[in-house]
C-alpha atoms as a PDB file:
ATOM      1  CA  MET A   1     104.334   1.667 153.826  1.00  0.00           C
ATOM      2  CA  ARG A   2     108.015   0.691 153.629  1.00  0.00           C
ATOM      3  CA  PRO A   3     109.356   2.237 150.417  1.00  0.00           C
ATOM      4  CA  ASP A   4     112.265  -0.197 150.127  1.00  0.00           C
ATOM      5  CA  THR A   5     110.167  -3.392 150.150  1.00  0.00           C
ATOM      6  CA  GLY A   6     106.662  -2.107 149.431  1.00  0.00           C
ATOM      7  CA  LEU A   7     105.309  -3.616 152.656  1.00  0.00           C
ATOM      8  CA  LEU A   8     101.885  -2.054 153.219  1.00  0.00           C
ATOM      9  CA  ILE A   9     100.991  -1.481 156.871  1.00  0.00           C
ATOM     10  CA  PRO A  10      97.170  -1.221 157.056  1.00  0.00           C
ATOM     11  CA  TYR A  11      95.086   0.877 159.403  1.00  0.00           C
ATOM     12  CA  ASP A  12      94.102  -1.249 162.413  1.00  0.00           C
ATOM     13  CA  LYS A  13      90.358  -0.662 162.340  1.00  0.00           C
ATOM     14  CA  ASP A  14      89.442  -3.812 164.296  1.00  0.00           C
ATOM     15  CA  LYS A  15      92.111  -3.367 167.030  1.00  0.00           C
ATOM     16  CA  SER A  16      93.826  -6.615 166.160  1.00  0.00           C
ATOM     17  CA  SER A  17      97.373  -5.521 165.222  1.00  0.00           C
ATOM     18  CA  ASN A  18     100.273  -6.988 167.137  1.00  0.00           C
ATOM     19  CA  GLN A  19     103.883  -8.070 166.664  1.00  0.00           C
ATOM     20  CA  SER A  20     102.958 -10.678 164.077  1.00  0.00           C
ATOM     21  CA  LYS A  21     100.134  -8.683 162.434  1.00  0.00           C
ATOM     22  CA  PRO A  22     101.238  -5.196 161.302  1.00  0.00           C
ATOM     23  CA  GLY A  23      98.843  -2.281 161.730  1.00  0.00           C
ATOM     24  CA  TRP A  24      98.709   1.356 162.801  1.00  0.00           C
ATOM     25  CA  TYR A  25      96.299   3.614 164.702  1.00  0.00           C
ATOM     26  CA  PHE A  26      96.096   7.023 166.406  1.00  0.00           C
ATOM     27  CA  THR A  27      96.778   7.530 170.116  1.00  0.00           C
ATOM     28  CA  ILE A  28      95.523  10.285 172.431  1.00  0.00           C
ATOM     29  CA  ASP A  29      98.978  11.624 173.451  1.00  0.00           C
ATOM     30  CA  ASP A  30     102.722  11.103 173.214  1.00  0.00           C
ATOM     31  CA  THR A  31     102.671   8.137 175.602  1.00  0.00           C
ATOM     32  CA  TYR A  32     101.254   6.153 172.636  1.00  0.00           C
ATOM     33  CA  ALA A  33      99.481   3.908 175.138  1.00  0.00           C
ATOM     34  CA  GLU A  34      95.770   4.716 174.645  1.00  0.00           C
ATOM     35  CA  ARG A  35      94.107   4.440 171.259  1.00  0.00           C
ATOM     36  CA  SER A  36      92.193   7.413 169.811  1.00  0.00           C
ATOM     37  CA  GLU A  37      89.265   6.968 167.454  1.00  0.00           C
ATOM     38  CA  ASP A  38      89.801  10.514 166.170  1.00  0.00           C
ATOM     39  CA  PRO A  39      92.856  11.585 164.151  1.00  0.00           C
ATOM     40  CA  THR A  40      95.719  13.032 166.214  1.00  0.00           C
ATOM     41  CA  GLN A  41      99.385  13.801 165.624  1.00  0.00           C
ATOM     42  CA  PHE A  42     100.375  10.665 167.556  1.00  0.00           C
ATOM     43  CA  ILE A  43     100.479   7.355 165.669  1.00  0.00           C
ATOM     44  CA  ARG A  44     101.450   3.898 166.815  1.00  0.00           C
ATOM     45  CA  ALA A  45     102.467   1.161 164.370  1.00  0.00           C
ATOM     46  CA  ASN A  46     102.533  -2.452 165.574  1.00  0.00           C
ATOM     47  CA  GLY A  47     104.565  -5.176 163.909  1.00  0.00           C
ATOM     48  CA  SER A  48     107.863  -6.983 163.984  1.00  0.00           C
ATOM     49  CA  VAL A  49     111.251  -5.269 164.187  1.00  0.00           C
ATOM     50  CA  ALA A  50     112.034  -6.557 160.696  1.00  0.00           C
ATOM     51  CA  ASP A  51     108.909  -4.843 159.349  1.00  0.00           C
ATOM     52  CA  LEU A  52     109.041  -1.526 161.191  1.00  0.00           C
ATOM     53  CA  GLU A  53     112.682  -0.704 161.846  1.00  0.00           C
ATOM     54  CA  ASN A  54     113.111   1.272 158.625  1.00  0.00           C
ATOM     55  CA  ASN A  55     111.904   4.414 156.880  1.00  0.00           C
ATOM     56  CA  LEU A  56     108.128   4.494 156.497  1.00  0.00           C
ATOM     57  CA  ARG A  57     106.119   6.552 154.015  1.00  0.00           C
ATOM     58  CA  TRP A  58     102.491   7.604 153.740  1.00  0.00           C
ATOM     59  CA  ILE A  59     100.605   6.963 150.497  1.00  0.00           C
ATOM     60  CA  TYR A  60      98.753  10.122 149.441  1.00  0.00           C
ATOM     61  CA  ASP A  61      97.917  12.173 146.357  1.00  0.00           C
ATOM     62  CA  GLU A  62     101.357  13.785 146.079  1.00  0.00           C
ATOM     63  CA  ASN A  63     103.196  10.480 145.612  1.00  0.00           C
ATOM     64  CA  THR A  64     100.629   8.569 143.563  1.00  0.00           C
ATOM     65  CA  ILE A  65     100.302   9.374 139.863  1.00  0.00           C
ATOM     66  CA  PRO A  66      97.399   8.300 137.610  1.00  0.00           C
ATOM     67  CA  THR A  67      98.617   6.974 134.263  1.00  0.00           C
ATOM     68  CA  ASP A  68      97.292   5.455 131.048  1.00  0.00           C
ATOM     69  CA  LEU A  69     100.569   3.551 130.602  1.00  0.00           C
ATOM     70  CA  TYR A  70      98.959   0.666 132.493  1.00  0.00           C
ATOM     71  CA  TYR A  71      96.758   0.025 129.452  1.00  0.00           C
ATOM     72  CA  ALA A  72      99.553   0.631 126.917  1.00  0.00           C
ATOM     73  CA  SER A  73     102.301  -1.500 128.498  1.00  0.00           C
ATOM     74  CA  LEU A  74     101.372  -5.050 127.479  1.00  0.00           C
ATOM     75  CA  VAL A  75     104.629  -7.022 127.189  1.00  0.00           C
ATOM     76  CA  SER A  76     106.961  -7.872 130.069  1.00  0.00           C
ATOM     77  CA  PRO A  77     108.408 -11.024 131.631  1.00  0.00           C
ATOM     78  CA  ASN A  78     106.789  -9.828 134.870  1.00  0.00           C
ATOM     79  CA  TYR A  79     103.254  -9.820 133.407  1.00  0.00           C
ATOM     80  CA  SER A  80     100.728 -12.678 133.345  1.00  0.00           C
ATOM     81  CA  LEU A  81     102.487 -14.576 136.126  1.00  0.00           C
ATOM     82  CA  PRO A  82     100.388 -17.189 137.982  1.00  0.00           C
ATOM     83  CA  GLY A  83      98.903 -15.736 141.147  1.00  0.00           C
ATOM     84  CA  LYS A  84     100.220 -12.240 140.390  1.00  0.00           C
ATOM     85  CA  HIS A  85      98.684  -9.055 139.059  1.00  0.00           C
ATOM     86  CA  ASP A  86     100.346  -7.007 136.342  1.00  0.00           C
ATOM     87  CA  TRP A  87     101.946  -3.892 137.874  1.00  0.00           C
ATOM     88  CA  ASP A  88     101.462  -5.369 141.365  1.00  0.00           C
ATOM     89  CA  LEU A  89     104.024  -8.123 141.913  1.00  0.00           C
ATOM     90  CA  LEU A  90     103.987  -7.321 145.639  1.00  0.00           C
ATOM     91  CA  ASP A  91     100.266  -8.144 145.692  1.00  0.00           C
ATOM     92  CA  ASN A  92      99.473  -5.326 148.129  1.00  0.00           C
ATOM     93  CA  GLY A  93      96.947  -3.429 146.003  1.00  0.00           C
ATOM     94  CA  VAL A  94      99.343  -0.524 145.370  1.00  0.00           C
ATOM     95  CA  TYR A  95     100.121  -0.627 141.658  1.00  0.00           C
ATOM     96  CA  GLY A  96     103.371   0.459 140.020  1.00  0.00           C
ATOM     97  CA  GLN A  97     105.457   0.910 143.162  1.00  0.00           C
ATOM     98  CA  TYR A  98     108.837   2.473 142.539  1.00  0.00           C
ATOM     99  CA  CYS A  99     111.602   3.279 144.999  1.00  0.00           C
ATOM    100  CA  TYR A 100     114.707   5.444 144.841  1.00  0.00           C
ATOM    101  CA  ASN A 101     116.624   4.425 147.942  1.00  0.00           C
ATOM    102  CA  SER A 102     120.197   5.508 148.709  1.00  0.00           C
ATOM    103  CA  GLY A 103     120.896   6.184 145.052  1.00  0.00           C
ATOM    104  CA  ILE A 104     119.477   2.835 143.906  1.00  0.00           C
ATOM    105  CA  GLU A 105     116.398   2.679 141.684  1.00  0.00           C
ATOM    106  CA  GLU A 106     114.056  -0.221 142.397  1.00  0.00           C
ATOM    107  CA  ASN A 107     111.094  -1.171 140.225  1.00  0.00           C
ATOM    108  CA  LEU A 108     109.228  -3.018 142.984  1.00  0.00           C
ATOM    109  CA  ASP A 109     106.227  -4.106 140.891  1.00  0.00           C
ATOM    110  CA  GLY A 110     108.081  -5.178 137.733  1.00  0.00           C
ATOM    111  CA  VAL A 111     106.576  -2.518 135.474  1.00  0.00           C
ATOM    112  CA  SER A 112     107.710  -2.191 131.875  1.00  0.00           C
ATOM    113  CA  TYR A 113     107.746   1.529 131.085  1.00  0.00           C
ATOM    114  CA  HIS A 114     107.473   0.889 127.337  1.00  0.00           C
ATOM    115  CA  ALA A 115     104.169   1.569 125.542  1.00  0.00           C
ATOM    116  CA  ASP A 116     103.295  -1.290 123.168  1.00  0.00           C
ATOM    117  CA  VAL A 117     100.101   0.362 121.894  1.00  0.00           C
ATOM    118  CA  SER A 118      98.811   3.912 121.715  1.00  0.00           C
ATOM    119  CA  VAL A 119      96.067   4.731 124.185  1.00  0.00           C
ATOM    120  CA  GLY A 120      93.546   7.538 123.800  1.00  0.00           C
ATOM    121  CA  ARG A 121      90.040   8.488 124.821  1.00  0.00           C
ATOM    122  CA  ALA A 122      86.999   8.730 122.580  1.00  0.00           C
ATOM    123  CA  PRO A 123      84.358  11.353 123.518  1.00  0.00           C
ATOM    124  CA  VAL A 124      81.324   9.198 122.709  1.00  0.00           C
ATOM    125  CA  SER A 125      78.050   8.461 124.460  1.00  0.00           C
ATOM    126  CA  SER A 126      76.384   5.965 122.112  1.00  0.00           C
ATOM    127  CA  GLU A 127      77.175   3.050 119.831  1.00  0.00           C
ATOM    128  CA  GLN A 128      76.603   5.227 116.766  1.00  0.00           C
ATOM    129  CA  GLU A 129      79.074   7.860 117.989  1.00  0.00           C
ATOM    130  CA  ALA A 130      81.608   5.132 118.790  1.00  0.00           C
ATOM    131  CA  LYS A 131      81.349   3.686 115.250  1.00  0.00           C
ATOM    132  CA  ALA A 132      81.776   7.157 113.745  1.00  0.00           C
ATOM    133  CA  PHE A 133      84.842   7.802 115.888  1.00  0.00           C
ATOM    134  CA  VAL A 134      86.439   4.462 114.952  1.00  0.00           C
ATOM    135  CA  SER A 135      85.711   5.041 111.236  1.00  0.00           C
ATOM    136  CA  LYS A 136      87.419   8.434 111.396  1.00  0.00           C
ATOM    137  CA  ALA A 137      90.412   7.014 113.241  1.00  0.00           C
ATOM    138  CA  ILE A 138      90.843   4.283 110.621  1.00  0.00           C
ATOM    139  CA  ALA A 139      90.456   6.822 107.805  1.00  0.00           C
ATOM    140  CA  TYR A 140      93.150   9.056 109.301  1.00  0.00           C
ATOM    141  CA  GLU A 141      95.480   6.085 109.843  1.00  0.00           C
ATOM    142  CA  GLN A 142      95.072   4.774 106.274  1.00  0.00           C
ATOM    143  CA  PHE A 143      94.717   8.276 104.804  1.00  0.00           C
ATOM    144  CA  ARG A 144      91.655   7.091 102.895  1.00  0.00           C
ATOM    145  CA  ARG A 145      87.965   7.810 103.003  1.00  0.00           C
ATOM    146  CA  PRO A 146      85.463   4.990 103.706  1.00  0.00           C
ATOM    147  CA  ASP A 147      85.000   4.595  99.919  1.00  0.00           C
ATOM    148  CA  GLY A 148      88.743   3.945  99.505  1.00  0.00           C
ATOM    149  CA  SER A 149      89.667   7.257  97.884  1.00  0.00           C
ATOM    150  CA  LEU A 150      92.657   9.208  99.204  1.00  0.00           C
ATOM    151  CA  LEU A 151      92.146  12.075 101.608  1.00  0.00           C
ATOM    152  CA  ASP A 152      93.059  15.611 100.567  1.00  0.00           C
ATOM    153  CA  LEU A 153      96.864  15.748 100.492  1.00  0.00           C
ATOM    154  CA  ASN A 154      96.711  19.207 102.057  1.00  0.00           C
ATOM    155  CA  TRP A 155      94.809  17.884 105.056  1.00  0.00           C
ATOM    156  CA  PRO A 156      97.906  17.191 107.280  1.00  0.00           C
ATOM    157  CA  GLY A 157      98.854  20.848 106.943  1.00  0.00           C
ATOM    158  CA  LYS A 158      95.544  22.134 108.266  1.00  0.00           C
ATOM    159  CA  MET A 159      94.884  23.024 111.883  1.00  0.00           C
ATOM    160  CA  LEU A 160      91.746  23.893 113.838  1.00  0.00           C
ATOM    161  CA  PHE A 161      91.911  26.365 116.713  1.00  0.00           C
ATOM    162  CA  ALA A 162      89.177  26.667 119.346  1.00  0.00           C
ATOM    163  CA  SER A 163      88.902  29.724 121.556  1.00  0.00           C
ATOM    164  CA  THR A 164      86.550  31.758 123.675  1.00  0.00           C
ATOM    165  CA  ASN A 165      86.036  35.482 124.080  1.00  0.00           C
ATOM    166  CA  TRP A 166      87.542  36.741 127.324  1.00  0.00           C
ATOM    167  CA  SER A 167      87.201  40.419 126.411  1.00  0.00           C
ATOM    168  CA  GLY A 168      85.194  42.903 128.414  1.00  0.00           C
ATOM    169  CA  SER A 169      87.645  43.554 131.245  1.00  0.00           C
ATOM    170  CA  ILE A 170      88.176  47.149 132.328  1.00  0.00           C
ATOM    171  CA  GLU A 171      91.806  48.282 132.344  1.00  0.00           C
ATOM    172  CA  VAL A 172      92.623  51.047 134.794  1.00  0.00           C
ATOM    173  CA  ASN A 173      95.781  52.997 133.922  1.00  0.00           C
ATOM    174  CA  LYS A 174      97.941  54.959 136.321  1.00  0.00           C
ATOM    175  CA  SER A 175      97.462  58.736 136.327  1.00  0.00           C
ATOM    176  CA  SER A 176      99.996  61.346 137.402  1.00  0.00           C
ATOM    177  CA  SER A 177      97.270  63.932 138.006  1.00  0.00           C
ATOM    178  CA  SER A 178      95.123  64.224 141.108  1.00  0.00           C
ATOM    179  CA  THR A 179      92.218  64.998 138.780  1.00  0.00           C
ATOM    180  CA  ILE A 180      91.081  61.453 138.208  1.00  0.00           C
ATOM    181  CA  GLU A 181      89.729  60.689 134.747  1.00  0.00           C
ATOM    182  CA  ASP A 182      87.512  57.737 133.838  1.00  0.00           C
ATOM    183  CA  ASN A 183      89.227  54.336 134.196  1.00  0.00           C
ATOM    184  CA  THR A 184      92.363  55.758 135.802  1.00  0.00           C
ATOM    185  CA  ASN A 185      93.906  55.505 139.248  1.00  0.00           C
ATOM    186  CA  TYR A 186      95.936  58.005 141.246  1.00  0.00           C
ATOM    187  CA  HIS A 187      98.333  57.362 144.127  1.00  0.00           C
ATOM    188  CA  GLU A 188      99.460  60.341 146.164  1.00  0.00           C
ATOM    189  CA  SER A 189     103.031  60.091 147.415  1.00  0.00           C
ATOM    190  CA  GLY A 190     103.262  58.995 151.037  1.00  0.00           C
ATOM    191  CA  GLU A 191      99.672  57.796 151.248  1.00  0.00           C
ATOM    192  CA  ALA A 192      98.682  54.187 151.957  1.00  0.00           C
ATOM    193  CA  TYR A 193      95.930  54.015 149.371  1.00  0.00           C
ATOM    194  CA  SER A 194      95.106  54.747 145.731  1.00  0.00           C
ATOM    195  CA  LEU A 195      91.999  56.270 144.163  1.00  0.00           C
ATOM    196  CA  ILE A 196      90.317  54.685 141.149  1.00  0.00           C
ATOM    197  CA  LYS A 197      87.476  56.119 139.115  1.00  0.00           C
ATOM    198  CA  LEU A 198      85.527  53.969 136.676  1.00  0.00           C
ATOM    199  CA  LYS A 199      83.513  55.296 133.769  1.00  0.00           C
ATOM    200  CA  GLY A 200      80.542  53.356 135.054  1.00  0.00           C
ATOM    201  CA  LEU A 201      79.577  50.445 137.226  1.00  0.00           C
ATOM    202  CA  PRO A 202      80.457  47.012 135.776  1.00  0.00           C
ATOM    203  CA  ASP A 203      77.526  45.021 134.438  1.00  0.00           C
ATOM    204  CA  ASP A 204      78.458  42.167 136.755  1.00  0.00           C
ATOM    205  CA  ILE A 205      79.309  43.141 140.332  1.00  0.00           C
ATOM    206  CA  ARG A 206      81.050  39.796 140.795  1.00  0.00           C
ATOM    207  CA  TRP A 207      84.035  41.050 138.786  1.00  0.00           C
ATOM    208  CA  LYS A 208      87.424  40.767 140.471  1.00  0.00           C
ATOM    209  CA  LEU A 209      89.812  43.645 141.103  1.00  0.00           C
ATOM    210  CA  ILE A 210      93.341  42.670 140.026  1.00  0.00           C
ATOM    211  CA  ALA A 211      96.485  44.734 140.672  1.00  0.00           C
ATOM    212  CA  TYR A 212      99.586  44.208 138.532  1.00  0.00           C
ATOM    213  CA  LYS A 213     103.194  44.880 139.447  1.00  0.00           C
ATOM    214  CA  GLY A 214     105.488  43.651 136.707  1.00  0.00           C
ATOM    215  CA  LEU A 215     104.533  40.053 135.980  1.00  0.00           C
ATOM    216  CA  ASP A 216     102.820  39.695 139.362  1.00  0.00           C
ATOM    217  CA  GLY A 217      99.019  39.904 139.322  1.00  0.00           C
ATOM    218  CA  ARG A 218      97.127  39.866 142.617  1.00  0.00           C
ATOM    219  CA  ILE A 219      93.389  39.596 143.188  1.00  0.00           C
ATOM    220  CA  ILE A 220      92.147  42.142 145.705  1.00  0.00           C
ATOM    221  CA  PRO A 221      89.048  40.792 147.500  1.00  0.00           C
ATOM    222  CA  PHE A 222      86.194  43.066 148.546  1.00  0.00           C
ATOM    223  CA  ASP A 223      85.863  43.356 152.322  1.00  0.00           C
ATOM    224  CA  MET A 224      82.131  43.134 153.065  1.00  0.00           C
ATOM    225  CA  THR A 225      82.649  43.790 156.795  1.00  0.00           C
ATOM    226  CA  HIS A 226      84.794  46.939 156.660  1.00  0.00           C
ATOM    227  CA  LEU A 227      82.905  50.276 156.711  1.00  0.00           C
ATOM    228  CA  LEU A 228      84.374  53.755 156.490  1.00  0.00           C
ATOM    229  CA  GLN A 229      82.666  57.085 157.231  1.00  0.00           C
ATOM    230  CA  ARG A 230      83.460  60.086 155.044  1.00  0.00           C
ATOM    231  CA  GLU A 231      83.223  63.640 156.323  1.00  0.00           C
ATOM    232  CA  ASP A 232      80.248  64.288 154.038  1.00  0.00           C
ATOM    233  CA  GLY A 233      78.352  61.449 155.692  1.00  0.00           C
ATOM    234  CA  ILE A 234      78.501  59.001 152.767  1.00  0.00           C
ATOM    235  CA  MET A 235      79.246  55.461 153.908  1.00  0.00           C
ATOM    236  CA  LEU A 236      82.056  53.699 152.099  1.00  0.00           C
ATOM    237  CA  LYS A 237      83.002  50.073 151.687  1.00  0.00           C
ATOM    238  CA  ALA A 238      86.733  49.245 151.642  1.00  0.00           C
ATOM    239  CA  TRP A 239      88.729  46.749 149.629  1.00  0.00           C
ATOM    240  CA  THR A 240      91.088  44.484 151.522  1.00  0.00           C
ATOM    241  CA  ILE A 241      94.624  45.079 150.292  1.00  0.00           C
ATOM    242  CA  CYS A 242      98.222  43.804 150.597  1.00  0.00           C
ATOM    243  CA  PRO A 243     100.766  46.529 151.533  1.00  0.00           C
ATOM    244  CA  PRO A 244     103.103  47.774 150.265  1.00  0.00           C
ATOM    245  CA  ILE A 245     101.718  47.064 146.794  1.00  0.00           C
ATOM    246  CA  LEU A 246      98.125  48.054 147.544  1.00  0.00           C
ATOM    247  CA  ALA A 247      96.226  49.883 150.202  1.00  0.00           C
ATOM    248  CA  ILE A 248      92.538  50.801 150.499  1.00  0.00           C
ATOM    249  CA  SER A 249      89.983  51.007 147.706  1.00  0.00           C
ATOM    250  CA  MET A 250      86.773  52.854 148.454  1.00  0.00           C
ATOM    251  CA  ILE A 251      83.331  52.608 146.848  1.00  0.00           C
ATOM    252  CA  PRO A 252      80.642  55.155 147.820  1.00  0.00           C
ATOM    253  CA  LEU A 253      77.413  53.307 148.498  1.00  0.00           C
ATOM    254  CA  LEU A 254      75.233  56.308 147.717  1.00  0.00           C
ATOM    255  CA  GLU A 255      76.944  57.369 144.487  1.00  0.00           C
ATOM    256  CA  ARG A 256      76.936  55.857 141.023  1.00  0.00           C
ATOM    257  CA  GLN A 257      80.593  56.846 140.634  1.00  0.00           C
ATOM    258  CA  ARG A 258      83.089  54.275 141.851  1.00  0.00           C
ATOM    259  CA  LYS A 259      86.395  55.363 143.369  1.00  0.00           C
ATOM    260  CA  SER A 260      89.231  53.176 144.648  1.00  0.00           C
ATOM    261  CA  ARG A 261      92.935  53.288 145.404  1.00  0.00           C
ATOM    262  CA  PHE A 262      95.549  51.204 143.519  1.00  0.00           C
ATOM    263  CA  HIS A 263      98.531  50.665 141.232  1.00  0.00           C
ATOM    264  CA  PRO A 264      97.782  49.742 137.560  1.00  0.00           C
ATOM    265  CA  MET A 265      95.072  47.139 137.585  1.00  0.00           C
ATOM    266  CA  SER A 266      92.087  45.590 135.833  1.00  0.00           C
ATOM    267  CA  LEU A 267      88.535  44.618 136.661  1.00  0.00           C
ATOM    268  CA  LEU A 268      87.808  41.096 135.386  1.00  0.00           C
END
C-alpha cells in the first residue's frame, strides 16, 4: 500500500498484474523473473510508475488498530456520501487510513475523531438479560429506580472490588550458611550454581521457578533432557539457567528432599 495516497496493491493470485493492473507476488530469487508460489524474501510489484515509484508499506497487525470509535463517530461532512463508505473514502476496504508523511498529517479516509455517543458492551446472552441490563443503565443515568424513587445518595461513593487468591507460592530466601535450612538457598563464592532446599515437594509439579534480581524476575525452565550423576550414584535432573544471574539447580530423583542452586527466588 502507498501510505501517501492509500493506494492498495493487491496480491496477484491469478497472475494477471501488469503495468495497468497493479499487483504483487513472490519470486524465486533476486532476478525477480520467475514467480514463486511459496513465500520468499523476493517480491515483485507490477504497476505504473505513478503508482509504484514511492514508499510502500505492508498492512499488518502492528499498524492496524481495532477501535469502537467507528460506532461512536456519527457526524461528519465526509459521512453518508453517495457511493462512499464512512471511514473509507478511498473505497479500498482499509478503513480509517491515516498518514504522517514528511511532517504532514493526512486523514485519508475523512474520519471524524469526535465521539458523538458513548459506546459500551453489554455482557448478555438472552433477551431477558438484555432488558435487565438496559433497565439498570437507564436507572443509573436517571438516578432513579424503576418505580421512580431516587437511588441511595451514597451509591456513587461505593465501589466493588473483584480479586482472586494468588497465594500459595513458596518464597526461598538467601542463606549465608552452607547448612541449608528449609526454603532457603545458598550460593558458594566462585561457584556457578546455587543450592536450594524446600521444606517439601510442591503439590503441583507444574510450578515455575522464578529468580529475582532487583525488579527483574526470570522464569527458570526445567531441563528434561539434562542428567547429572552424583558420586553417590543418585541421578539428578538440572534446571536450565542464565549466567551470571543463575547457574544449575539440581533435584535428586530418588530423594523426597529437593535441592537447587539460585539467588533469591520463588516457586509459583
